[in-house]
PDB file of N, CA and C in Angstrom:
ATOM      1  N   MET A   1      40.334 170.919  55.907  1.00  0.00           N
ATOM      2  CA  MET A   1      41.325 171.582  54.844  1.00  0.00           C
ATOM      3  C   MET A   1      41.121 172.941  54.922  1.00  0.00           C
ATOM      4  N   LEU A   2      39.518 172.922  55.779  1.00  0.00           N
ATOM      5  CA  LEU A   2      38.786 174.053  56.137  1.00  0.00           C
ATOM      6  C   LEU A   2      39.754 175.404  56.748  1.00  0.00           C
ATOM      7  N   GLU A   3      39.865 175.166  57.547  1.00  0.00           N
ATOM      8  CA  GLU A   3      41.391 175.813  58.413  1.00  0.00           C
ATOM      9  C   GLU A   3      42.109 176.789  56.951  1.00  0.00           C
ATOM     10  N   VAL A   4      42.574 175.356  56.004  1.00  0.00           N
ATOM     11  CA  VAL A   4      44.038 175.777  55.481  1.00  0.00           C
ATOM     12  C   VAL A   4      43.039 177.343  54.208  1.00  0.00           C
ATOM     13  N   LYS A   5      41.916 176.805  53.949  1.00  0.00           N
ATOM     14  CA  LYS A   5      41.306 177.327  52.792  1.00  0.00           C
ATOM     15  C   LYS A   5      40.900 179.150  53.820  1.00  0.00           C
ATOM     16  N   ARG A   6      40.253 178.675  55.442  1.00  0.00           N
ATOM     17  CA  ARG A   6      39.785 179.875  55.853  1.00  0.00           C
ATOM     18  C   ARG A   6      41.097 180.564  56.236  1.00  0.00           C
ATOM     19  N   ALA A   7      42.202 180.584  55.892  1.00  0.00           N
ATOM     20  CA  ALA A   7      43.256 180.897  56.534  1.00  0.00           C
ATOM     21  C   ALA A   7      43.862 182.314  55.019  1.00  0.00           C
ATOM     22  N   GLY A   8      43.418 182.042  54.362  1.00  0.00           N
ATOM     23  CA  GLY A   8      43.635 182.536  52.635  1.00  0.00           C
ATOM     24  C   GLY A   8      44.107 182.145  52.056  1.00  0.00           C
ATOM     25  N   TRP A   9      44.185 180.621  51.778  1.00  0.00           N
ATOM     26  CA  TRP A   9      45.041 179.091  51.242  1.00  0.00           C
ATOM     27  C   TRP A   9      44.465 179.045  50.225  1.00  0.00           C
ATOM     28  N   ASP A  10      45.065 178.848  48.423  1.00  0.00           N
ATOM     29  CA  ASP A  10      44.645 177.854  47.832  1.00  0.00           C
ATOM     30  C   ASP A  10      44.375 176.691  47.911  1.00  0.00           C
ATOM     31  N   VAL A  11      43.470 175.692  48.162  1.00  0.00           N
ATOM     32  CA  VAL A  11      44.287 174.774  47.659  1.00  0.00           C
ATOM     33  C   VAL A  11      44.188 173.436  46.865  1.00  0.00           C
ATOM     34  N   SER A  12      45.283 172.622  46.808  1.00  0.00           N
ATOM     35  CA  SER A  12      45.135 171.638  45.410  1.00  0.00           C
ATOM     36  C   SER A  12      45.523 170.171  45.634  1.00  0.00           C
ATOM     37  N   GLY A  13      45.086 169.381  44.785  1.00  0.00           N
ATOM     38  CA  GLY A  13      44.814 168.083  45.115  1.00  0.00           C
ATOM     39  C   GLY A  13      44.502 168.048  46.261  1.00  0.00           C
ATOM     40  N   LYS A  14      44.949 166.419  46.584  1.00  0.00           N
ATOM     41  CA  LYS A  14      44.169 165.597  47.968  1.00  0.00           C
ATOM     42  C   LYS A  14      45.252 165.729  48.854  1.00  0.00           C
ATOM     43  N   PRO A  15      44.160 165.591  50.004  1.00  0.00           N
ATOM     44  CA  PRO A  15      45.693 165.872  51.398  1.00  0.00           C
ATOM     45  C   PRO A  15      46.400 164.912  51.393  1.00  0.00           C
ATOM     46  N   GLU A  16      47.593 165.290  51.934  1.00  0.00           N
ATOM     47  CA  GLU A  16      47.623 163.653  51.798  1.00  0.00           C
ATOM     48  C   GLU A  16      48.121 163.243  53.397  1.00  0.00           C
ATOM     49  N   ARG A  17      47.307 162.510  53.993  1.00  0.00           N
ATOM     50  CA  ARG A  17      47.208 161.606  55.356  1.00  0.00           C
ATOM     51  C   ARG A  17      49.038 160.890  56.003  1.00  0.00           C
ATOM     52  N   LYS A  18      49.182 161.788  56.885  1.00  0.00           N
ATOM     53  CA  LYS A  18      50.531 161.318  57.008  1.00  0.00           C
ATOM     54  C   LYS A  18      50.107 160.518  59.213  1.00  0.00           C
ATOM     55  N   PRO A  19      51.200 159.459  59.423  1.00  0.00           N
ATOM     56  CA  PRO A  19      50.689 159.045  60.844  1.00  0.00           C
ATOM     57  C   PRO A  19      50.344 160.123  62.306  1.00  0.00           C
ATOM     58  N   ARG A  20      51.110 161.096  62.056  1.00  0.00           N
ATOM     59  CA  ARG A  20      50.554 162.337  62.846  1.00  0.00           C
ATOM     60  C   ARG A  20      49.853 163.775  62.552  1.00  0.00           C
ATOM     61  N   HIS A  21      50.219 163.839  60.953  1.00  0.00           N
ATOM     62  CA  HIS A  21      49.201 165.247  60.798  1.00  0.00           C
ATOM     63  C   HIS A  21      48.779 164.789  58.926  1.00  0.00           C
ATOM     64  N   VAL A  22      48.568 166.109  58.701  1.00  0.00           N
ATOM     65  CA  VAL A  22      48.103 166.033  56.621  1.00  0.00           C
ATOM     66  C   VAL A  22      48.922 167.035  56.602  1.00  0.00           C
ATOM     67  N   GLU A  23      48.973 166.742  55.109  1.00  0.00           N
ATOM     68  CA  GLU A  23      49.972 167.727  54.924  1.00  0.00           C
ATOM     69  C   GLU A  23      48.836 167.812  53.140  1.00  0.00           C
ATOM     70  N   VAL A  24      48.544 168.894  52.949  1.00  0.00           N
ATOM     71  CA  VAL A  24      48.033 170.101  51.587  1.00  0.00           C
ATOM     72  C   VAL A  24      49.073 170.916  50.867  1.00  0.00           C
ATOM     73  N   LEU A  25      48.809 170.516  49.725  1.00  0.00           N
ATOM     74  CA  LEU A  25      49.869 171.674  48.295  1.00  0.00           C
ATOM     75  C   LEU A  25      48.725 173.191  48.538  1.00  0.00           C
ATOM     76  N   ALA A  26      48.915 173.765  49.212  1.00  0.00           N
ATOM     77  CA  ALA A  26      48.300 175.246  49.403  1.00  0.00           C
ATOM     78  C   ALA A  26      49.418 176.843  48.161  1.00  0.00           C
ATOM     79  N   GLN A  27      48.484 177.904  48.351  1.00  0.00           N
ATOM     80  CA  GLN A  27      49.210 178.242  47.472  1.00  0.00           C
ATOM     81  C   GLN A  27      48.102 179.924  48.365  1.00  0.00           C
ATOM     82  N   ARG A  28      49.433 181.399  48.071  1.00  0.00           N
ATOM     83  CA  ARG A  28      48.304 182.258  48.870  1.00  0.00           C
ATOM     84  C   ARG A  28      48.927 183.572  47.150  1.00  0.00           C
ATOM     85  N   ASP A  29      47.892 183.919  46.790  1.00  0.00           N
ATOM     86  CA  ASP A  29      48.052 185.215  46.493  1.00  0.00           C
ATOM     87  C   ASP A  29      48.795 185.165  45.288  1.00  0.00           C
ATOM     88  N   ALA A  30      48.535 184.276  44.504  1.00  0.00           N
ATOM     89  CA  ALA A  30      49.463 183.460  42.816  1.00  0.00           C
ATOM     90  C   ALA A  30      50.850 182.976  44.088  1.00  0.00           C
ATOM     91  N   GLY A  31      51.859 183.025  44.938  1.00  0.00           N
ATOM     92  CA  GLY A  31      53.070 183.262  45.473  1.00  0.00           C
ATOM     93  C   GLY A  31      53.633 181.107  44.875  1.00  0.00           C
ATOM     94  N   ASP A  32      54.429 181.110  45.991  1.00  0.00           N
ATOM     95  CA  ASP A  32      55.273 179.777  46.172  1.00  0.00           C
ATOM     96  C   ASP A  32      53.916 179.169  46.185  1.00  0.00           C
ATOM     97  N   TRP A  33      54.513 178.243  46.015  1.00  0.00           N
ATOM     98  CA  TRP A  33      53.418 176.505  46.299  1.00  0.00           C
ATOM     99  C   TRP A  33      53.789 176.284  48.018  1.00  0.00           C
ATOM    100  N   THR A  34      53.079 175.575  48.334  1.00  0.00           N
ATOM    101  CA  THR A  34      53.316 175.237  50.522  1.00  0.00           C
ATOM    102  C   THR A  34      53.274 174.015  51.081  1.00  0.00           C
ATOM    103  N   GLY A  35      53.706 173.506  51.383  1.00  0.00           N
ATOM    104  CA  GLY A  35      53.624 172.290  51.906  1.00  0.00           C
ATOM    105  C   GLY A  35      52.728 172.953  53.733  1.00  0.00           C
ATOM    106  N   ALA A  36      51.534 172.963  53.465  1.00  0.00           N
ATOM    107  CA  ALA A  36      50.589 173.152  54.813  1.00  0.00           C
ATOM    108  C   ALA A  36      50.474 172.126  55.816  1.00  0.00           C
ATOM    109  N   HIS A  37      50.585 171.586  56.439  1.00  0.00           N
ATOM    110  CA  HIS A  37      51.014 170.586  57.592  1.00  0.00           C
ATOM    111  C   HIS A  37      49.315 171.095  58.454  1.00  0.00           C
ATOM    112  N   MET A  38      48.704 170.164  59.190  1.00  0.00           N
ATOM    113  CA  MET A  38      47.975 170.331  59.645  1.00  0.00           C
ATOM    114  C   MET A  38      47.239 169.418  60.047  1.00  0.00           C
ATOM    115  N   ASP A  39      47.015 169.589  62.145  1.00  0.00           N
ATOM    116  CA  ASP A  39      47.319 168.444  63.223  1.00  0.00           C
ATOM    117  C   ASP A  39      45.296 167.516  62.914  1.00  0.00           C
ATOM    118  N   PHE A  40      45.018 166.483  63.270  1.00  0.00           N
ATOM    119  CA  PHE A  40      43.745 166.290  63.251  1.00  0.00           C
ATOM    120  C   PHE A  40      42.440 167.155  64.170  1.00  0.00           C
ATOM    121  N   ALA A  41      42.949 168.027  64.072  1.00  0.00           N
ATOM    122  CA  ALA A  41      42.602 169.045  64.779  1.00  0.00           C
ATOM    123  C   ALA A  41      41.713 170.092  63.888  1.00  0.00           C
ATOM    124  N   GLY A  42      43.339 170.148  62.767  1.00  0.00           N
ATOM    125  CA  GLY A  42      42.730 170.934  61.502  1.00  0.00           C
ATOM    126  C   GLY A  42      43.735 172.386  61.995  1.00  0.00           C
ATOM    127  N   ALA A  43      44.452 172.458  62.868  1.00  0.00           N
ATOM    128  CA  ALA A  43      44.999 173.192  63.225  1.00  0.00           C
ATOM    129  C   ALA A  43      45.803 173.315  61.828  1.00  0.00           C
ATOM    130  N   ILE A  44      46.748 174.725  62.328  1.00  0.00           N
ATOM    131  CA  ILE A  44      48.200 174.917  60.615  1.00  0.00           C
ATOM    132  C   ILE A  44      48.706 174.549  61.250  1.00  0.00           C
ATOM    133  N   TYR A  45      50.054 174.483  61.793  1.00  0.00           N
ATOM    134  CA  TYR A  45      51.133 173.880  62.593  1.00  0.00           C
ATOM    135  C   TYR A  45      53.050 174.026  61.553  1.00  0.00           C
ATOM    136  N   LYS A  46      52.545 174.105  60.782  1.00  0.00           N
ATOM    137  CA  LYS A  46      53.687 173.936  60.564  1.00  0.00           C
ATOM    138  C   LYS A  46      53.191 174.734  58.045  1.00  0.00           C
ATOM    139  N   GLN A  47      54.853 175.085  57.758  1.00  0.00           N
ATOM    140  CA  GLN A  47      54.045 176.084  56.581  1.00  0.00           C
ATOM    141  C   GLN A  47      55.841 175.698  55.827  1.00  0.00           C
ATOM    142  N   GLU A  48      55.913 174.730  54.696  1.00  0.00           N
ATOM    143  CA  GLU A  48      57.573 174.755  53.855  1.00  0.00           C
ATOM    144  C   GLU A  48      56.973 175.093  52.274  1.00  0.00           C
ATOM    145  N   PRO A  49      58.059 175.458  52.019  1.00  0.00           N
ATOM    146  CA  PRO A  49      58.221 175.519  50.711  1.00  0.00           C
ATOM    147  C   PRO A  49      57.924 174.043  50.203  1.00  0.00           C
ATOM    148  N   ALA A  50      57.423 173.477  49.053  1.00  0.00           N
ATOM    149  CA  ALA A  50      57.131 172.654  48.772  1.00  0.00           C
ATOM    150  C   ALA A  50      57.779 171.964  47.481  1.00  0.00           C
ATOM    151  N   SER A  51      57.772 170.733  47.700  1.00  0.00           N
ATOM    152  CA  SER A  51      59.303 170.220  46.969  1.00  0.00           C
ATOM    153  C   SER A  51      58.664 170.125  45.655  1.00  0.00           C
ATOM    154  N   ALA A  52      59.071 170.916  44.377  1.00  0.00           N
ATOM    155  CA  ALA A  52      58.525 170.027  42.581  1.00  0.00           C
ATOM    156  C   ALA A  52      58.250 168.655  42.950  1.00  0.00           C
ATOM    157  N   GLU A  53      59.385 167.979  43.337  1.00  0.00           N
ATOM    158  CA  GLU A  53      60.103 166.856  42.667  1.00  0.00           C
ATOM    159  C   GLU A  53      58.415 165.345  43.686  1.00  0.00           C
ATOM    160  N   LYS A  54      57.991 166.106  44.849  1.00  0.00           N
ATOM    161  CA  LYS A  54      57.108 165.370  45.443  1.00  0.00           C
ATOM    162  C   LYS A  54      55.934 165.736  45.160  1.00  0.00           C
ATOM    163  N   ARG A  55      55.288 167.366  44.467  1.00  0.00           N
ATOM    164  CA  ARG A  55      54.412 167.365  44.345  1.00  0.00           C
ATOM    165  C   ARG A  55      54.133 167.291  42.971  1.00  0.00           C
ATOM    166  N   GLY A  56      55.041 166.675  42.261  1.00  0.00           N
ATOM    167  CA  GLY A  56      54.799 166.676  40.925  1.00  0.00           C
ATOM    168  C   GLY A  56      54.216 168.398  40.071  1.00  0.00           C
ATOM    169  N   LEU A  57      54.817 169.260  40.925  1.00  0.00           N
ATOM    170  CA  LEU A  57      55.039 171.003  40.146  1.00  0.00           C
ATOM    171  C   LEU A  57      55.586 170.934  39.010  1.00  0.00           C
ATOM    172  N   SER A  58      55.731 171.801  37.862  1.00  0.00           N
ATOM    173  CA  SER A  58      56.610 171.669  37.019  1.00  0.00           C
ATOM    174  C   SER A  58      57.241 172.852  37.760  1.00  0.00           C
ATOM    175  N   SER A  59      58.166 172.993  37.322  1.00  0.00           N
ATOM    176  CA  SER A  59      59.627 174.324  37.852  1.00  0.00           C
ATOM    177  C   SER A  59      59.589 175.333  36.703  1.00  0.00           C
TER     178      SER A  59
END
């Protein structure tokens, strides 16, 4: 999660470990919530809009 914070993101909640990566819920500059995908070396390789249903976000 350190790389996500270094990239300027605010992280919320606990990371969700997947078989090949880790997903974290992050937000930058009070913008939309984003699901940041990191490999196990800590590199962010994918960013996608966070699903409100999946992440428990209010609409």
